[in-house]
Amino acid sequence: MSIEESKKELTKMIAEIEDASVLNKLLNYFRTESMLSEKQKKAIDAAIIQFENGEGIPHNNVMHEMKERYPKLFNS
């Protein structure tokens, strides 16, 4: 399939979407993809792979550690 054919197919598919949340997800995807550098995209992909391999640190643990290290930032 040529680039032009792919664009036409994609345009047709998008025009048929009735769910606003799906359209918003597509918009966010295209906006994010176009704003990130290749280095950023690779770093995000590596982080996702680490997370999928169970190498991530749970958010609650990170927040606990941050509050202990930098208590002044969390005193409201």
PDB file of N, CA and C in Angstrom:
ATOM      1  N   MET A   1       0.846  -1.178   0.000  1.00  0.00           N
ATOM      2  CA  MET A   1       0.000   0.000   0.000  1.00  0.00           C
ATOM      3  C   MET A   1       0.893   1.242   0.000  1.00  0.00           C
ATOM      4  N   SER A   2       0.591   2.186  -0.866  1.00  0.00           N
ATOM      5  CA  SER A   2       1.382   3.413  -0.955  1.00  0.00           C
ATOM      6  C   SER A   2       1.049   4.346   0.209  1.00  0.00           C
ATOM      7  N   ILE A   3       1.874   5.364   0.365  1.00  0.00           N
ATOM      8  CA  ILE A   3       1.636   6.341   1.431  1.00  0.00           C
ATOM      9  C   ILE A   3       0.294   7.038   1.218  1.00  0.00           C
ATOM     10  N   GLU A   4       0.014   7.405  -0.010  1.00  0.00           N
ATOM     11  CA  GLU A   4      -1.256   8.084  -0.310  1.00  0.00           C
ATOM     12  C   GLU A   4      -2.448   7.190   0.002  1.00  0.00           C
ATOM     13  N   GLU A   5      -2.351   5.923  -0.339  1.00  0.00           N
ATOM     14  CA  GLU A   5      -3.440   4.981  -0.042  1.00  0.00           C
ATOM     15  C   GLU A   5      -3.603   4.812   1.471  1.00  0.00           C
ATOM     16  N   SER A   6      -2.483   4.775   2.173  1.00  0.00           N
ATOM     17  CA  SER A   6      -2.528   4.650   3.626  1.00  0.00           C
ATOM     18  C   SER A   6      -3.187   5.871   4.258  1.00  0.00           C
ATOM     19  N   LYS A   7      -2.860   7.060   3.761  1.00  0.00           N
ATOM     20  CA  LYS A   7      -3.464   8.285   4.271  1.00  0.00           C
ATOM     21  C   LYS A   7      -4.972   8.299   4.037  1.00  0.00           C
ATOM     22  N   LYS A   8      -5.384   7.883   2.840  1.00  0.00           N
ATOM     23  CA  LYS A   8      -6.812   7.846   2.526  1.00  0.00           C
ATOM     24  C   LYS A   8      -7.541   6.858   3.436  1.00  0.00           C
ATOM     25  N   GLU A   9      -6.942   5.698   3.645  1.00  0.00           N
ATOM     26  CA  GLU A   9      -7.542   4.682   4.503  1.00  0.00           C
ATOM     27  C   GLU A   9      -7.654   5.190   5.938  1.00  0.00           C
ATOM     28  N   LEU A  10      -6.604   5.804   6.424  1.00  0.00           N
ATOM     29  CA  LEU A  10      -6.597   6.347   7.778  1.00  0.00           C
ATOM     30  C   LEU A  10      -7.638   7.453   7.931  1.00  0.00           C
ATOM     31  N   THR A  11      -7.706   8.333   6.950  1.00  0.00           N
ATOM     32  CA  THR A  11      -8.694   9.417   6.970  1.00  0.00           C
ATOM     33  C   THR A  11     -10.104   8.851   7.018  1.00  0.00           C
ATOM     34  N   LYS A  12     -10.365   7.842   6.224  1.00  0.00           N
ATOM     35  CA  LYS A  12     -11.686   7.202   6.203  1.00  0.00           C
ATOM     36  C   LYS A  12     -12.009   6.586   7.563  1.00  0.00           C
ATOM     37  N   MET A  13     -11.047   5.889   8.145  1.00  0.00           N
ATOM     38  CA  MET A  13     -11.263   5.249   9.444  1.00  0.00           C
ATOM     39  C   MET A  13     -11.537   6.286  10.530  1.00  0.00           C
ATOM     40  N   ILE A  14     -10.785   7.372  10.524  1.00  0.00           N
ATOM     41  CA  ILE A  14     -10.973   8.421  11.532  1.00  0.00           C
ATOM     42  C   ILE A  14     -12.334   9.081  11.361  1.00  0.00           C
ATOM     43  N   ALA A  15     -12.736   9.317  10.121  1.00  0.00           N
ATOM     44  CA  ALA A  15     -14.027   9.963   9.851  1.00  0.00           C
ATOM     45  C   ALA A  15     -15.197   9.123  10.355  1.00  0.00           C
ATOM     46  N   GLU A  16     -15.013   7.825  10.449  1.00  0.00           N
ATOM     47  CA  GLU A  16     -16.095   6.927  10.880  1.00  0.00           C
ATOM     48  C   GLU A  16     -16.157   6.748  12.399  1.00  0.00           C
ATOM     49  N   ILE A  17     -15.185   7.260  13.130  1.00  0.00           N
ATOM     50  CA  ILE A  17     -15.175   7.118  14.591  1.00  0.00           C
ATOM     51  C   ILE A  17     -16.228   8.029  15.203  1.00  0.00           C
ATOM     52  N   GLU A  18     -17.073   7.444  16.049  1.00  0.00           N
ATOM     53  CA  GLU A  18     -18.129   8.201  16.719  1.00  0.00           C
ATOM     54  C   GLU A  18     -17.832   8.431  18.200  1.00  0.00           C
ATOM     55  N   ASP A  19     -16.880   7.702  18.741  1.00  0.00           N
ATOM     56  CA  ASP A  19     -16.550   7.774  20.164  1.00  0.00           C
ATOM     57  C   ASP A  19     -15.524   8.878  20.412  1.00  0.00           C
ATOM     58  N   ALA A  20     -15.941   9.911  21.161  1.00  0.00           N
ATOM     59  CA  ALA A  20     -15.061  11.056  21.424  1.00  0.00           C
ATOM     60  C   ALA A  20     -13.799  10.644  22.173  1.00  0.00           C
ATOM     61  N   SER A  21     -13.905   9.663  23.058  1.00  0.00           N
ATOM     62  CA  SER A  21     -12.720   9.260  23.825  1.00  0.00           C
ATOM     63  C   SER A  21     -11.668   8.623  22.913  1.00  0.00           C
ATOM     64  N   VAL A  22     -12.107   7.906  21.899  1.00  0.00           N
ATOM     65  CA  VAL A  22     -11.170   7.308  20.946  1.00  0.00           C
ATOM     66  C   VAL A  22     -10.485   8.407  20.143  1.00  0.00           C
ATOM     67  N   LEU A  23     -11.248   9.391  19.719  1.00  0.00           N
ATOM     68  CA  LEU A  23     -10.667  10.514  18.973  1.00  0.00           C
ATOM     69  C   LEU A  23      -9.659  11.274  19.838  1.00  0.00           C
ATOM     70  N   ASN A  24      -9.996  11.484  21.105  1.00  0.00           N
ATOM     71  CA  ASN A  24      -9.070  12.176  22.006  1.00  0.00           C
ATOM     72  C   ASN A  24      -7.795  11.380  22.197  1.00  0.00           C
ATOM     73  N   LYS A  25      -7.905  10.058  22.304  1.00  0.00           N
ATOM     74  CA  LYS A  25      -6.715   9.217  22.433  1.00  0.00           C
ATOM     75  C   LYS A  25      -5.844   9.324  21.185  1.00  0.00           C
ATOM     76  N   LEU A  26      -6.464   9.328  20.023  1.00  0.00           N
ATOM     77  CA  LEU A  26      -5.710   9.475  18.782  1.00  0.00           C
ATOM     78  C   LEU A  26      -5.011  10.835  18.720  1.00  0.00           C
ATOM     79  N   LEU A  27      -5.740  11.887  19.067  1.00  0.00           N
ATOM     80  CA  LEU A  27      -5.147  13.222  19.075  1.00  0.00           C
ATOM     81  C   LEU A  27      -3.955  13.285  20.023  1.00  0.00           C
ATOM     82  N   ASN A  28      -4.126  12.761  21.218  1.00  0.00           N
ATOM     83  CA  ASN A  28      -3.029  12.769  22.188  1.00  0.00           C
ATOM     84  C   ASN A  28      -1.843  11.967  21.671  1.00  0.00           C
ATOM     85  N   TYR A  29      -2.121  10.839  21.049  1.00  0.00           N
ATOM     86  CA  TYR A  29      -1.047  10.014  20.498  1.00  0.00           C
ATOM     87  C   TYR A  29      -0.251  10.795  19.453  1.00  0.00           C
ATOM     88  N   PHE A  30      -0.959  11.392  18.490  1.00  0.00           N
ATOM     89  CA  PHE A  30      -0.269  12.108  17.422  1.00  0.00           C
ATOM     90  C   PHE A  30       0.470  13.332  17.963  1.00  0.00           C
ATOM     91  N   ARG A  31      -0.126  14.037  18.902  1.00  0.00           N
ATOM     92  CA  ARG A  31       0.536  15.210  19.477  1.00  0.00           C
ATOM     93  C   ARG A  31       1.793  14.803  20.228  1.00  0.00           C
ATOM     94  N   THR A  32       1.692  13.746  21.015  1.00  0.00           N
ATOM     95  CA  THR A  32       2.836  13.287  21.804  1.00  0.00           C
ATOM     96  C   THR A  32       3.938  12.760  20.906  1.00  0.00           C
ATOM     97  N   GLU A  33       3.583  11.944  19.943  1.00  0.00           N
ATOM     98  CA  GLU A  33       4.580  11.355  19.049  1.00  0.00           C
ATOM     99  C   GLU A  33       5.337  12.438  18.290  1.00  0.00           C
ATOM    100  N   SER A  34       4.650  13.485  17.892  1.00  0.00           N
ATOM    101  CA  SER A  34       5.311  14.510  17.095  1.00  0.00           C
ATOM    102  C   SER A  34       6.162  15.442  17.950  1.00  0.00           C
ATOM    103  N   MET A  35       5.916  15.481  19.262  1.00  0.00           N
ATOM    104  CA  MET A  35       6.649  16.391  20.132  1.00  0.00           C
ATOM    105  C   MET A  35       7.885  15.741  20.746  1.00  0.00           C
ATOM    106  N   LEU A  36       7.966  14.438  20.737  1.00  0.00           N
ATOM    107  CA  LEU A  36       9.079  13.760  21.382  1.00  0.00           C
ATOM    108  C   LEU A  36      10.233  13.533  20.407  1.00  0.00           C
ATOM    109  N   SER A  37      11.439  13.681  20.925  1.00  0.00           N
ATOM    110  CA  SER A  37      12.610  13.372  20.118  1.00  0.00           C
ATOM    111  C   SER A  37      12.794  11.859  20.076  1.00  0.00           C
ATOM    112  N   GLU A  38      13.653  11.397  19.194  1.00  0.00           N
ATOM    113  CA  GLU A  38      13.925   9.957  19.111  1.00  0.00           C
ATOM    114  C   GLU A  38      14.536   9.462  20.417  1.00  0.00           C
ATOM    115  N   LYS A  39      15.404  10.269  21.017  1.00  0.00           N
ATOM    116  CA  LYS A  39      16.031   9.894  22.291  1.00  0.00           C
ATOM    117  C   LYS A  39      14.970   9.724  23.378  1.00  0.00           C
ATOM    118  N   GLN A  40      14.000  10.630  23.424  1.00  0.00           N
ATOM    119  CA  GLN A  40      12.932  10.542  24.412  1.00  0.00           C
ATOM    120  C   GLN A  40      12.065   9.308  24.175  1.00  0.00           C
ATOM    121  N   LYS A  41      11.745   9.054  22.910  1.00  0.00           N
ATOM    122  CA  LYS A  41      10.928   7.883  22.577  1.00  0.00           C
ATOM    123  C   LYS A  41      11.635   6.596  22.995  1.00  0.00           C
ATOM    124  N   LYS A  42      12.942   6.518  22.753  1.00  0.00           N
ATOM    125  CA  LYS A  42      13.709   5.328  23.132  1.00  0.00           C
ATOM    126  C   LYS A  42      13.737   5.166  24.643  1.00  0.00           C
ATOM    127  N   ALA A  43      13.881   6.270  25.368  1.00  0.00           N
ATOM    128  CA  ALA A  43      13.904   6.209  26.827  1.00  0.00           C
ATOM    129  C   ALA A  43      12.560   5.733  27.372  1.00  0.00           C
ATOM    130  N   ILE A  44      11.486   6.209  26.782  1.00  0.00           N
ATOM    131  CA  ILE A  44      10.151   5.780  27.202  1.00  0.00           C
ATOM    132  C   ILE A  44       9.951   4.307  26.895  1.00  0.00           C
ATOM    133  N   ASP A  45      10.354   3.876  25.718  1.00  0.00           N
ATOM    134  CA  ASP A  45      10.234   2.459  25.354  1.00  0.00           C
ATOM    135  C   ASP A  45      11.033   1.584  26.318  1.00  0.00           C
ATOM    136  N   ALA A  46      12.239   2.027  26.673  1.00  0.00           N
ATOM    137  CA  ALA A  46      13.076   1.257  27.609  1.00  0.00           C
ATOM    138  C   ALA A  46      12.402   1.189  28.981  1.00  0.00           C
ATOM    139  N   ALA A  47      11.805   2.288  29.417  1.00  0.00           N
ATOM    140  CA  ALA A  47      11.123   2.310  30.710  1.00  0.00           C
ATOM    141  C   ALA A  47       9.918   1.372  30.709  1.00  0.00           C
ATOM    142  N   ILE A  48       9.189   1.334  29.613  1.00  0.00           N
ATOM    143  CA  ILE A  48       8.033   0.436  29.507  1.00  0.00           C
ATOM    144  C   ILE A  48       8.481  -1.016  29.588  1.00  0.00           C
ATOM    145  N   ILE A  49       9.560  -1.337  28.903  1.00  0.00           N
ATOM    146  CA  ILE A  49      10.090  -2.704  28.939  1.00  0.00           C
ATOM    147  C   ILE A  49      10.530  -3.066  30.358  1.00  0.00           C
ATOM    148  N   GLN A  50      11.203  -2.144  31.032  1.00  0.00           N
ATOM    149  CA  GLN A  50      11.611  -2.391  32.414  1.00  0.00           C
ATOM    150  C   GLN A  50      10.396  -2.634  33.299  1.00  0.00           C
ATOM    151  N   PHE A  51       9.380  -1.821  33.131  1.00  0.00           N
ATOM    152  CA  PHE A  51       8.160  -1.975  33.922  1.00  0.00           C
ATOM    153  C   PHE A  51       7.512  -3.327  33.661  1.00  0.00           C
ATOM    154  N   GLU A  52       7.419  -3.709  32.393  1.00  0.00           N
ATOM    155  CA  GLU A  52       6.817  -4.989  32.032  1.00  0.00           C
ATOM    156  C   GLU A  52       7.615  -6.166  32.585  1.00  0.00           C
ATOM    157  N   ASN A  53       8.913  -5.981  32.795  1.00  0.00           N
ATOM    158  CA  ASN A  53       9.777  -7.023  33.349  1.00  0.00           C
ATOM    159  C   ASN A  53       9.818  -6.986  34.875  1.00  0.00           C
ATOM    160  N   GLY A  54       8.963  -6.166  35.473  1.00  0.00           N
ATOM    161  CA  GLY A  54       8.905  -6.083  36.927  1.00  0.00           C
ATOM    162  C   GLY A  54      10.056  -5.326  37.553  1.00  0.00           C
ATOM    163  N   GLU A  55      10.741  -4.510  36.772  1.00  0.00           N
ATOM    164  CA  GLU A  55      11.896  -3.776  37.268  1.00  0.00           C
ATOM    165  C   GLU A  55      11.549  -2.377  37.766  1.00  0.00           C
ATOM    166  N   GLY A  56      10.290  -2.020  37.710  1.00  0.00           N
ATOM    167  CA  GLY A  56       9.881  -0.687  38.128  1.00  0.00           C
ATOM    168  C   GLY A  56       9.739  -0.581  39.634  1.00  0.00           C
ATOM    169  N   ILE A  57       9.630   0.642  40.125  1.00  0.00           N
ATOM    170  CA  ILE A  57       9.412   0.920  41.539  1.00  0.00           C
ATOM    171  C   ILE A  57       7.995   1.487  41.659  1.00  0.00           C
ATOM    172  N   PRO A  58       7.178   0.895  42.524  1.00  0.00           N
ATOM    173  CA  PRO A  58       5.806   1.386  42.685  1.00  0.00           C
ATOM    174  C   PRO A  58       5.765   2.865  43.088  1.00  0.00           C
ATOM    175  N   HIS A  59       4.782   3.560  42.592  1.00  0.00           N
ATOM    176  CA  HIS A  59       4.617   4.998  42.834  1.00  0.00           C
ATOM    177  C   HIS A  59       4.628   5.320  44.325  1.00  0.00           C
ATOM    178  N   ASN A  60       3.915   4.535  45.118  1.00  0.00           N
ATOM    179  CA  ASN A  60       3.848   4.796  46.565  1.00  0.00           C
ATOM    180  C   ASN A  60       5.231   4.747  47.200  1.00  0.00           C
ATOM    181  N   ASN A  61       6.064   3.813  46.763  1.00  0.00           N
ATOM    182  CA  ASN A  61       7.430   3.719  47.301  1.00  0.00           C
ATOM    183  C   ASN A  61       8.252   4.946  46.921  1.00  0.00           C
ATOM    184  N   VAL A  62       8.122   5.384  45.684  1.00  0.00           N
ATOM    185  CA  VAL A  62       8.857   6.570  45.222  1.00  0.00           C
ATOM    186  C   VAL A  62       8.419   7.797  46.018  1.00  0.00           C
ATOM    187  N   MET A  63       7.111   7.960  46.175  1.00  0.00           N
ATOM    188  CA  MET A  63       6.612   9.123  46.910  1.00  0.00           C
ATOM    189  C   MET A  63       7.073   9.099  48.363  1.00  0.00           C
ATOM    190  N   HIS A  64       7.060   7.933  48.983  1.00  0.00           N
ATOM    191  CA  HIS A  64       7.526   7.813  50.370  1.00  0.00           C
ATOM    192  C   HIS A  64       8.992   8.242  50.474  1.00  0.00           C
ATOM    193  N   GLU A  65       9.815   7.747  49.569  1.00  0.00           N
ATOM    194  CA  GLU A  65      11.235   8.094  49.575  1.00  0.00           C
ATOM    195  C   GLU A  65      11.442   9.590  49.321  1.00  0.00           C
ATOM    196  N   MET A  66      10.681  10.150  48.399  1.00  0.00           N
ATOM    197  CA  MET A  66      10.816  11.580  48.093  1.00  0.00           C
ATOM    198  C   MET A  66      10.428  12.430  49.300  1.00  0.00           C
ATOM    199  N   LYS A  67       9.368  12.044  49.994  1.00  0.00           N
ATOM    200  CA  LYS A  67       8.937  12.800  51.179  1.00  0.00           C
ATOM    201  C   LYS A  67       9.968  12.725  52.289  1.00  0.00           C
ATOM    202  N   GLU A  68      10.665  11.597  52.382  1.00  0.00           N
ATOM    203  CA  GLU A  68      11.715  11.472  53.388  1.00  0.00           C
ATOM    204  C   GLU A  68      12.942  12.309  53.014  1.00  0.00           C
ATOM    205  N   ARG A  69      13.311  12.300  51.738  1.00  0.00           N
ATOM    206  CA  ARG A  69      14.492  13.051  51.286  1.00  0.00           C
ATOM    207  C   ARG A  69      14.254  14.548  51.246  1.00  0.00           C
ATOM    208  N   TYR A  70      13.071  14.948  50.810  1.00  0.00           N
ATOM    209  CA  TYR A  70      12.767  16.363  50.591  1.00  0.00           C
ATOM    210  C   TYR A  70      11.485  16.763  51.309  1.00  0.00           C
ATOM    211  N   PRO A  71      11.474  16.698  52.625  1.00  0.00           N
ATOM    212  CA  PRO A  71      10.237  16.980  53.365  1.00  0.00           C
ATOM    213  C   PRO A  71       9.710  18.406  53.169  1.00  0.00           C
ATOM    214  N   LYS A  72      10.603  19.343  52.908  1.00  0.00           N
ATOM    215  CA  LYS A  72      10.163  20.750  52.734  1.00  0.00           C
ATOM    216  C   LYS A  72       9.285  20.910  51.502  1.00  0.00           C
ATOM    217  N   LEU A  73       9.487  20.053  50.515  1.00  0.00           N
ATOM    218  CA  LEU A  73       8.682  20.145  49.289  1.00  0.00           C
ATOM    219  C   LEU A  73       7.253  19.644  49.497  1.00  0.00           C
ATOM    220  N   PHE A  74       7.024  18.899  50.563  1.00  0.00           N
ATOM    221  CA  PHE A  74       5.727  18.282  50.767  1.00  0.00           C
ATOM    222  C   PHE A  74       4.964  18.866  51.970  1.00  0.00           C
ATOM    223  N   ASN A  75       5.514  19.884  52.581  1.00  0.00           N
ATOM    224  CA  ASN A  75       4.806  20.546  53.679  1.00  0.00           C
ATOM    225  C   ASN A  75       3.928  21.631  53.091  1.00  0.00           C
ATOM    226  N   SER A  76       2.633  21.417  53.174  1.00  0.00           N
ATOM    227  CA  SER A  76       1.709  22.403  52.611  1.00  0.00           C
ATOM    228  C   SER A  76       1.021  23.174  53.692  1.00  0.00           C
TER     229      SER A  76
END
